[in-house]
Amino acid sequence: MDKVTILSRKKFLAYLPDVVKEKVVAIRIGDKAPIKDKVSDNYADTLSLAFYDEATFAEKIDRSTPLGSNRLTAEDKVIIDNFIDRYADCYFVVHCEHGASRSAAIGYYILKHLGYTEELNEKKESALYSPNIEVYGLLIGKPYTSKTATELRREINKPE
């Protein structure tokens, strides 16, 4: 099993990890307030997040709404980092609606954060994913702006 498995919501609902439950955790991403369902019982723990799959320059986002305009926030990053660090010895299954953008951004970040360079490069070279640049930028500490856009695109696509 890969350190990080990236899936669509539909595939996640039918997916059964091939290792013991205690060694696999899930990160579930949706547009609205997340729920835990019976599928979450297949994992040692589940982190559910809700944010949109959009890419807007950080300087143009209105974060004044109580929910942060349904964008990934700095507070979400702290929650994600704590979850990754707590389960660094486990496998991660990450899903969003289509399994290509939000989940890929978090999956890439997990691999980078934990030093799984070979697997990260394999995923980058596979052309299966198109990580959300806004999400990935926030996670690695380089918010997506007009000045960082080219650098972030290069990092998302270029092997480490």
N, C-alpha and C. Protein backbone atom coordinates (compact mmCIF):
# COMPACT_ATOMS: atom_id res chain seq x y z
N MET A 1 0.85 -1.18 0.00
CA MET A 1 0.00 0.00 0.00
C MET A 1 0.89 1.24 0.00
N ASP A 2 0.52 2.24 -0.80
CA ASP A 2 1.24 3.51 -0.81
C ASP A 2 1.06 4.20 0.54
N LYS A 3 2.02 5.05 0.89
CA LYS A 3 1.89 5.84 2.11
C LYS A 3 0.63 6.70 2.04
N VAL A 4 0.34 7.24 0.84
CA VAL A 4 -0.85 8.06 0.63
C VAL A 4 -1.63 7.52 -0.57
N THR A 5 -2.88 7.21 -0.35
CA THR A 5 -3.78 6.80 -1.42
C THR A 5 -4.78 7.94 -1.62
N ILE A 6 -4.90 8.41 -2.87
CA ILE A 6 -5.77 9.54 -3.20
C ILE A 6 -6.95 9.00 -4.00
N LEU A 7 -8.16 9.28 -3.53
CA LEU A 7 -9.36 8.73 -4.15
C LEU A 7 -10.45 9.76 -4.34
N SER A 8 -11.37 9.45 -5.24
CA SER A 8 -12.61 10.22 -5.34
C SER A 8 -13.53 9.76 -4.22
N ARG A 9 -14.58 10.52 -3.96
CA ARG A 9 -15.54 10.13 -2.92
C ARG A 9 -16.17 8.79 -3.27
N LYS A 10 -16.54 8.59 -4.51
CA LYS A 10 -17.19 7.35 -4.94
C LYS A 10 -16.27 6.14 -4.70
N LYS A 11 -15.00 6.27 -5.08
CA LYS A 11 -14.05 5.16 -4.87
C LYS A 11 -13.78 4.95 -3.39
N PHE A 12 -13.72 6.04 -2.63
CA PHE A 12 -13.49 5.93 -1.19
C PHE A 12 -14.58 5.11 -0.52
N LEU A 13 -15.83 5.34 -0.92
CA LEU A 13 -16.96 4.65 -0.29
C LEU A 13 -16.89 3.14 -0.51
N ALA A 14 -16.20 2.70 -1.57
CA ALA A 14 -16.09 1.26 -1.85
C ALA A 14 -14.71 0.70 -1.49
N TYR A 15 -13.79 1.54 -1.08
CA TYR A 15 -12.40 1.13 -0.84
C TYR A 15 -12.23 0.46 0.52
N LEU A 16 -11.50 -0.63 0.54
CA LEU A 16 -11.13 -1.28 1.78
C LEU A 16 -9.60 -1.39 1.81
N PRO A 17 -8.95 -0.73 2.75
CA PRO A 17 -7.48 -0.80 2.83
C PRO A 17 -7.02 -2.24 2.98
N ASP A 18 -5.86 -2.55 2.40
CA ASP A 18 -5.34 -3.91 2.46
C ASP A 18 -4.37 -4.15 3.62
N VAL A 19 -4.41 -3.27 4.61
CA VAL A 19 -3.62 -3.46 5.84
C VAL A 19 -4.58 -3.32 7.02
N VAL A 20 -4.11 -3.68 8.19
CA VAL A 20 -4.99 -3.65 9.36
C VAL A 20 -5.50 -2.24 9.63
N LYS A 21 -6.72 -2.17 10.06
CA LYS A 21 -7.41 -0.90 10.31
C LYS A 21 -6.59 0.05 11.18
N GLU A 22 -5.91 -0.47 12.17
CA GLU A 22 -5.16 0.37 13.12
C GLU A 22 -3.99 1.11 12.46
N LYS A 23 -3.63 0.74 11.24
CA LYS A 23 -2.49 1.36 10.56
C LYS A 23 -2.92 2.30 9.43
N VAL A 24 -4.23 2.58 9.31
CA VAL A 24 -4.71 3.41 8.21
C VAL A 24 -5.64 4.49 8.76
N VAL A 25 -5.39 5.73 8.35
CA VAL A 25 -6.26 6.84 8.73
C VAL A 25 -6.76 7.51 7.45
N ALA A 26 -7.85 8.26 7.57
CA ALA A 26 -8.44 8.89 6.40
C ALA A 26 -8.62 10.39 6.62
N ILE A 27 -8.46 11.13 5.53
CA ILE A 27 -8.79 12.54 5.50
C ILE A 27 -9.87 12.70 4.44
N ARG A 28 -11.02 13.20 4.86
CA ARG A 28 -12.18 13.33 4.00
C ARG A 28 -12.48 14.81 3.77
N ILE A 29 -12.62 15.20 2.50
CA ILE A 29 -12.82 16.60 2.15
C ILE A 29 -14.11 16.75 1.35
N GLY A 30 -14.94 17.69 1.78
CA GLY A 30 -16.16 18.01 1.07
C GLY A 30 -16.34 19.50 0.97
N ASP A 31 -17.43 19.92 0.31
CA ASP A 31 -17.74 21.34 0.19
C ASP A 31 -18.46 21.87 1.42
N LYS A 32 -19.22 21.01 2.07
CA LYS A 32 -20.05 21.42 3.20
C LYS A 32 -19.57 20.72 4.47
N ALA A 33 -20.19 21.08 5.57
CA ALA A 33 -19.82 20.48 6.86
C ALA A 33 -19.71 18.97 6.71
N PRO A 34 -18.56 18.41 7.04
CA PRO A 34 -18.34 16.99 6.85
C PRO A 34 -19.11 16.12 7.83
N ILE A 35 -19.30 14.89 7.41
CA ILE A 35 -19.99 13.93 8.27
C ILE A 35 -19.12 12.70 8.44
N LYS A 36 -19.38 11.96 9.47
CA LYS A 36 -18.78 10.64 9.63
C LYS A 36 -19.88 9.64 9.35
N ASP A 37 -19.58 8.69 8.51
CA ASP A 37 -20.55 7.65 8.19
C ASP A 37 -19.92 6.29 8.50
N LYS A 38 -20.59 5.23 8.14
CA LYS A 38 -20.09 3.89 8.45
C LYS A 38 -18.74 3.61 7.80
N VAL A 39 -18.46 4.23 6.67
CA VAL A 39 -17.19 4.01 5.98
C VAL A 39 -16.02 4.46 6.86
N SER A 40 -16.23 5.50 7.66
CA SER A 40 -15.18 5.97 8.56
C SER A 40 -14.77 4.89 9.56
N ASP A 41 -15.65 3.93 9.81
CA ASP A 41 -15.34 2.84 10.74
C ASP A 41 -14.23 1.93 10.22
N ASN A 42 -13.87 2.04 8.92
CA ASN A 42 -12.81 1.21 8.34
C ASN A 42 -11.42 1.73 8.69
N TYR A 43 -11.34 2.85 9.42
CA TYR A 43 -10.06 3.52 9.65
C TYR A 43 -9.83 3.73 11.15
N ALA A 44 -8.56 3.79 11.52
CA ALA A 44 -8.19 4.02 12.91
C ALA A 44 -8.70 5.39 13.37
N ASP A 45 -8.67 6.36 12.47
CA ASP A 45 -9.19 7.70 12.77
C ASP A 45 -9.51 8.38 11.45
N THR A 46 -10.37 9.37 11.51
CA THR A 46 -10.78 10.11 10.33
C THR A 46 -10.80 11.59 10.64
N LEU A 47 -10.20 12.37 9.75
CA LEU A 47 -10.27 13.82 9.84
C LEU A 47 -11.17 14.28 8.70
N SER A 48 -12.23 14.99 9.03
CA SER A 48 -13.16 15.51 8.02
C SER A 48 -13.02 17.02 7.92
N LEU A 49 -12.88 17.50 6.69
CA LEU A 49 -12.72 18.93 6.44
C LEU A 49 -13.72 19.39 5.39
N ALA A 50 -14.09 20.65 5.42
CA ALA A 50 -14.99 21.20 4.42
C ALA A 50 -14.42 22.51 3.88
N PHE A 51 -14.08 22.49 2.60
CA PHE A 51 -13.65 23.71 1.92
C PHE A 51 -13.81 23.51 0.42
N TYR A 52 -13.99 24.63 -0.28
CA TYR A 52 -14.24 24.59 -1.72
C TYR A 52 -12.98 24.30 -2.51
N ASP A 53 -13.21 23.82 -3.72
CA ASP A 53 -12.12 23.55 -4.66
C ASP A 53 -12.03 24.71 -5.64
N GLU A 54 -11.44 25.80 -5.18
CA GLU A 54 -11.24 26.97 -6.01
C GLU A 54 -9.79 27.39 -5.86
N ALA A 55 -9.35 28.21 -6.79
CA ALA A 55 -8.00 28.76 -6.71
C ALA A 55 -8.07 30.25 -7.00
N THR A 56 -7.91 31.03 -5.96
CA THR A 56 -7.95 32.49 -6.06
C THR A 56 -6.72 33.03 -5.37
N PHE A 57 -6.11 34.03 -5.96
CA PHE A 57 -4.95 34.63 -5.33
C PHE A 57 -5.30 35.06 -3.91
N ALA A 58 -4.42 34.78 -2.98
CA ALA A 58 -4.66 35.06 -1.56
C ALA A 58 -5.05 36.52 -1.33
N GLU A 59 -4.44 37.42 -2.07
CA GLU A 59 -4.73 38.83 -1.86
C GLU A 59 -6.13 39.23 -2.32
N LYS A 60 -6.84 38.33 -3.01
CA LYS A 60 -8.20 38.63 -3.50
C LYS A 60 -9.29 37.89 -2.75
N ILE A 61 -8.93 37.10 -1.74
CA ILE A 61 -9.91 36.33 -0.99
C ILE A 61 -10.44 37.15 0.18
N ASP A 62 -11.75 37.18 0.29
CA ASP A 62 -12.38 37.84 1.43
C ASP A 62 -12.56 36.80 2.53
N ARG A 63 -11.73 36.84 3.54
CA ARG A 63 -11.79 35.87 4.63
C ARG A 63 -12.54 36.44 5.84
N SER A 64 -13.34 37.48 5.61
CA SER A 64 -14.03 38.12 6.72
C SER A 64 -15.28 37.38 7.16
N THR A 65 -15.74 36.40 6.39
CA THR A 65 -16.93 35.66 6.78
C THR A 65 -16.58 34.70 7.91
N PRO A 66 -17.54 34.34 8.74
CA PRO A 66 -17.25 33.47 9.88
C PRO A 66 -16.62 32.12 9.49
N LEU A 67 -16.92 31.62 8.30
CA LEU A 67 -16.38 30.33 7.89
C LEU A 67 -15.18 30.48 6.97
N GLY A 68 -14.58 31.66 6.91
CA GLY A 68 -13.39 31.84 6.09
C GLY A 68 -13.67 31.70 4.61
N SER A 69 -14.86 32.02 4.19
CA SER A 69 -15.26 31.93 2.79
C SER A 69 -15.16 30.51 2.26
N ASN A 70 -15.27 29.53 3.14
CA ASN A 70 -15.19 28.12 2.77
C ASN A 70 -13.90 27.78 2.05
N ARG A 71 -12.82 28.44 2.43
CA ARG A 71 -11.49 28.15 1.92
C ARG A 71 -10.72 27.44 3.02
N LEU A 72 -9.70 26.69 2.63
CA LEU A 72 -8.78 26.13 3.61
C LEU A 72 -8.16 27.31 4.35
N THR A 73 -8.05 27.20 5.66
CA THR A 73 -7.53 28.29 6.48
C THR A 73 -6.24 27.89 7.19
N ALA A 74 -5.59 28.87 7.79
CA ALA A 74 -4.40 28.59 8.60
C ALA A 74 -4.74 27.68 9.77
N GLU A 75 -5.94 27.82 10.32
CA GLU A 75 -6.38 26.95 11.42
C GLU A 75 -6.54 25.51 10.93
N ASP A 76 -7.08 25.35 9.70
CA ASP A 76 -7.19 24.02 9.10
C ASP A 76 -5.81 23.39 8.93
N LYS A 77 -4.83 24.21 8.50
CA LYS A 77 -3.48 23.70 8.31
C LYS A 77 -2.92 23.13 9.62
N VAL A 78 -3.15 23.83 10.72
CA VAL A 78 -2.69 23.35 12.03
C VAL A 78 -3.35 22.01 12.35
N ILE A 79 -4.63 21.90 12.09
CA ILE A 79 -5.36 20.64 12.34
C ILE A 79 -4.79 19.53 11.47
N ILE A 80 -4.52 19.82 10.20
CA ILE A 80 -3.95 18.83 9.28
C ILE A 80 -2.56 18.41 9.75
N ASP A 81 -1.72 19.40 10.09
CA ASP A 81 -0.36 19.09 10.56
C ASP A 81 -0.39 18.21 11.81
N ASN A 82 -1.26 18.53 12.75
CA ASN A 82 -1.37 17.72 13.97
C ASN A 82 -1.80 16.29 13.65
N PHE A 83 -2.74 16.15 12.73
CA PHE A 83 -3.23 14.83 12.33
C PHE A 83 -2.11 14.03 11.66
N ILE A 84 -1.40 14.65 10.74
CA ILE A 84 -0.28 13.98 10.05
C ILE A 84 0.78 13.57 11.06
N ASP A 85 1.16 14.47 11.94
CA ASP A 85 2.21 14.16 12.92
C ASP A 85 1.78 13.06 13.88
N ARG A 86 0.52 13.08 14.29
CA ARG A 86 0.00 12.06 15.21
C ARG A 86 0.03 10.67 14.56
N TYR A 87 -0.20 10.62 13.26
CA TYR A 87 -0.31 9.33 12.56
C TYR A 87 0.80 9.13 11.53
N ALA A 88 1.95 9.71 11.76
CA ALA A 88 3.06 9.63 10.80
C ALA A 88 3.46 8.19 10.48
N ASP A 89 3.23 7.27 11.40
CA ASP A 89 3.60 5.87 11.15
C ASP A 89 2.47 5.07 10.48
N CYS A 90 1.38 5.73 10.15
CA CYS A 90 0.24 5.07 9.50
C CYS A 90 0.23 5.37 8.01
N TYR A 91 -0.67 4.68 7.32
CA TYR A 91 -0.97 4.98 5.92
C TYR A 91 -2.13 5.96 5.90
N PHE A 92 -2.18 6.80 4.85
CA PHE A 92 -3.21 7.81 4.72
C PHE A 92 -4.05 7.53 3.47
N VAL A 93 -5.35 7.63 3.62
CA VAL A 93 -6.26 7.60 2.49
C VAL A 93 -6.95 8.96 2.49
N VAL A 94 -6.85 9.67 1.37
CA VAL A 94 -7.39 11.02 1.27
C VAL A 94 -8.41 11.05 0.14
N HIS A 95 -9.57 11.62 0.41
CA HIS A 95 -10.54 11.74 -0.68
C HIS A 95 -11.21 13.11 -0.68
N CYS A 96 -11.60 13.50 -1.89
CA CYS A 96 -12.47 14.65 -2.12
C CYS A 96 -13.47 14.19 -3.18
N GLU A 97 -14.23 15.08 -3.72
CA GLU A 97 -15.30 14.67 -4.65
C GLU A 97 -14.75 13.90 -5.85
N HIS A 98 -13.75 14.44 -6.53
CA HIS A 98 -13.23 13.80 -7.74
C HIS A 98 -11.88 13.10 -7.55
N GLY A 99 -11.24 13.33 -6.43
CA GLY A 99 -9.97 12.67 -6.14
C GLY A 99 -8.81 13.17 -6.98
N ALA A 100 -8.85 14.43 -7.38
CA ALA A 100 -7.79 14.93 -8.24
C ALA A 100 -7.18 16.24 -7.76
N SER A 101 -7.93 17.06 -7.06
CA SER A 101 -7.46 18.41 -6.76
C SER A 101 -7.23 18.65 -5.27
N ARG A 102 -8.30 18.75 -4.48
CA ARG A 102 -8.12 19.02 -3.04
C ARG A 102 -7.39 17.87 -2.36
N SER A 103 -7.82 16.65 -2.63
CA SER A 103 -7.17 15.50 -2.00
C SER A 103 -5.73 15.35 -2.48
N ALA A 104 -5.48 15.65 -3.75
CA ALA A 104 -4.11 15.57 -4.27
C ALA A 104 -3.21 16.59 -3.58
N ALA A 105 -3.72 17.80 -3.35
CA ALA A 105 -2.92 18.82 -2.68
C ALA A 105 -2.53 18.35 -1.28
N ILE A 106 -3.49 17.79 -0.56
CA ILE A 106 -3.19 17.31 0.80
C ILE A 106 -2.31 16.07 0.73
N GLY A 107 -2.57 15.18 -0.22
CA GLY A 107 -1.73 13.99 -0.37
C GLY A 107 -0.29 14.34 -0.68
N TYR A 108 -0.08 15.28 -1.61
CA TYR A 108 1.28 15.73 -1.93
C TYR A 108 1.94 16.32 -0.69
N TYR A 109 1.17 17.11 0.04
CA TYR A 109 1.72 17.74 1.24
C TYR A 109 2.12 16.71 2.28
N ILE A 110 1.30 15.70 2.49
CA ILE A 110 1.64 14.65 3.45
C ILE A 110 2.96 14.01 3.07
N LEU A 111 3.10 13.66 1.80
CA LEU A 111 4.34 13.00 1.33
C LEU A 111 5.54 13.92 1.50
N LYS A 112 5.38 15.20 1.17
CA LYS A 112 6.48 16.16 1.33
C LYS A 112 6.82 16.33 2.82
N HIS A 113 5.80 16.50 3.64
CA HIS A 113 5.96 16.73 5.07
C HIS A 113 6.69 15.55 5.75
N LEU A 114 6.36 14.33 5.32
CA LEU A 114 6.94 13.15 5.94
C LEU A 114 8.19 12.64 5.22
N GLY A 115 8.59 13.30 4.13
CA GLY A 115 9.82 12.95 3.44
C GLY A 115 9.73 11.75 2.50
N TYR A 116 8.55 11.46 1.98
CA TYR A 116 8.37 10.36 1.03
C TYR A 116 8.54 10.88 -0.40
N THR A 117 9.76 11.30 -0.72
CA THR A 117 10.06 11.95 -1.99
C THR A 117 9.80 11.03 -3.18
N GLU A 118 10.19 9.78 -3.10
CA GLU A 118 10.02 8.87 -4.24
C GLU A 118 8.54 8.70 -4.59
N GLU A 119 7.70 8.48 -3.58
CA GLU A 119 6.27 8.33 -3.84
C GLU A 119 5.67 9.64 -4.34
N LEU A 120 6.11 10.76 -3.80
CA LEU A 120 5.63 12.07 -4.26
C LEU A 120 5.95 12.25 -5.74
N ASN A 121 7.18 11.93 -6.13
CA ASN A 121 7.57 12.07 -7.53
C ASN A 121 6.77 11.14 -8.44
N GLU A 122 6.50 9.93 -7.97
CA GLU A 122 5.69 8.99 -8.76
C GLU A 122 4.30 9.57 -9.01
N LYS A 123 3.71 10.16 -7.98
CA LYS A 123 2.38 10.75 -8.14
C LYS A 123 2.43 11.95 -9.09
N LYS A 124 3.47 12.78 -8.97
CA LYS A 124 3.61 13.93 -9.87
C LYS A 124 3.76 13.47 -11.32
N GLU A 125 4.54 12.42 -11.54
CA GLU A 125 4.79 11.93 -12.89
C GLU A 125 3.61 11.16 -13.47
N SER A 126 2.68 10.72 -12.65
CA SER A 126 1.56 9.91 -13.13
C SER A 126 0.55 10.71 -13.94
N ALA A 127 0.49 12.01 -13.77
CA ALA A 127 -0.48 12.88 -14.44
C ALA A 127 -1.93 12.54 -14.06
N LEU A 128 -2.12 11.82 -12.97
CA LEU A 128 -3.47 11.50 -12.51
C LEU A 128 -4.08 12.62 -11.68
N TYR A 129 -3.22 13.50 -11.17
CA TYR A 129 -3.68 14.49 -10.21
C TYR A 129 -3.39 15.90 -10.68
N SER A 130 -4.19 16.81 -10.21
CA SER A 130 -4.01 18.23 -10.48
C SER A 130 -4.23 18.97 -9.16
N PRO A 131 -3.24 18.94 -8.27
CA PRO A 131 -3.41 19.50 -6.93
C PRO A 131 -3.88 20.96 -6.95
N ASN A 132 -4.81 21.26 -6.08
CA ASN A 132 -5.30 22.62 -5.94
C ASN A 132 -4.15 23.50 -5.47
N ILE A 133 -3.79 24.47 -6.28
CA ILE A 133 -2.61 25.30 -6.02
C ILE A 133 -2.80 26.18 -4.79
N GLU A 134 -4.01 26.64 -4.55
CA GLU A 134 -4.28 27.48 -3.38
C GLU A 134 -4.10 26.67 -2.10
N VAL A 135 -4.65 25.46 -2.09
CA VAL A 135 -4.55 24.58 -0.92
C VAL A 135 -3.09 24.19 -0.68
N TYR A 136 -2.41 23.73 -1.73
CA TYR A 136 -1.02 23.30 -1.59
C TYR A 136 -0.14 24.46 -1.11
N GLY A 137 -0.33 25.64 -1.69
CA GLY A 137 0.47 26.80 -1.28
C GLY A 137 0.31 27.13 0.19
N LEU A 138 -0.94 27.12 0.67
CA LEU A 138 -1.18 27.40 2.09
C LEU A 138 -0.49 26.35 2.97
N LEU A 139 -0.58 25.09 2.56
CA LEU A 139 0.00 24.01 3.36
C LEU A 139 1.51 24.09 3.46
N ILE A 140 2.17 24.47 2.36
CA ILE A 140 3.65 24.52 2.40
C ILE A 140 4.18 25.88 2.84
N GLY A 141 3.27 26.79 3.18
CA GLY A 141 3.70 28.09 3.69
C GLY A 141 4.02 29.12 2.61
N LYS A 142 3.52 28.90 1.39
CA LYS A 142 3.69 29.86 0.30
C LYS A 142 2.31 30.16 -0.27
N PRO A 143 1.57 31.07 0.35
CA PRO A 143 0.23 31.36 -0.14
C PRO A 143 0.24 31.67 -1.64
N TYR A 144 -0.79 31.22 -2.31
CA TYR A 144 -0.95 31.41 -3.76
C TYR A 144 -1.26 32.87 -4.05
N THR A 145 -0.30 33.57 -4.63
CA THR A 145 -0.46 34.97 -4.98
C THR A 145 0.01 35.16 -6.41
N SER A 146 -0.20 36.34 -6.95
CA SER A 146 0.29 36.61 -8.31
C SER A 146 1.82 36.49 -8.37
N LYS A 147 2.48 36.70 -7.25
CA LYS A 147 3.95 36.62 -7.22
C LYS A 147 4.46 35.19 -7.04
N THR A 148 3.68 34.32 -6.38
CA THR A 148 4.15 32.95 -6.12
C THR A 148 3.56 31.92 -7.08
N ALA A 149 2.65 32.33 -7.95
CA ALA A 149 1.92 31.38 -8.82
C ALA A 149 2.85 30.50 -9.65
N THR A 150 3.82 31.10 -10.32
CA THR A 150 4.73 30.32 -11.17
C THR A 150 5.56 29.34 -10.36
N GLU A 151 6.08 29.80 -9.24
CA GLU A 151 6.89 28.94 -8.36
C GLU A 151 6.06 27.76 -7.83
N LEU A 152 4.82 28.02 -7.44
CA LEU A 152 3.96 26.95 -6.93
C LEU A 152 3.61 25.94 -8.03
N ARG A 153 3.32 26.44 -9.23
CA ARG A 153 3.02 25.52 -10.34
C ARG A 153 4.21 24.61 -10.62
N ARG A 154 5.38 25.20 -10.59
CA ARG A 154 6.61 24.42 -10.82
C ARG A 154 6.78 23.36 -9.74
N GLU A 155 6.54 23.74 -8.49
CA GLU A 155 6.71 22.79 -7.38
C GLU A 155 5.70 21.65 -7.46
N ILE A 156 4.48 21.94 -7.86
CA ILE A 156 3.45 20.92 -7.96
C ILE A 156 3.77 19.90 -9.05
N ASN A 157 4.38 20.37 -10.14
CA ASN A 157 4.60 19.51 -11.30
C ASN A 157 6.00 18.92 -11.42
N LYS A 158 6.99 19.59 -10.88
CA LYS A 158 8.38 19.17 -11.07
C LYS A 158 8.77 18.16 -9.99
N PRO A 159 9.39 17.03 -10.39
CA PRO A 159 9.87 16.08 -9.38
C PRO A 159 10.86 16.74 -8.42
N GLU A 160 10.86 16.26 -7.18
CA GLU A 160 11.74 16.82 -6.14
C GLU A 160 13.17 16.36 -6.37
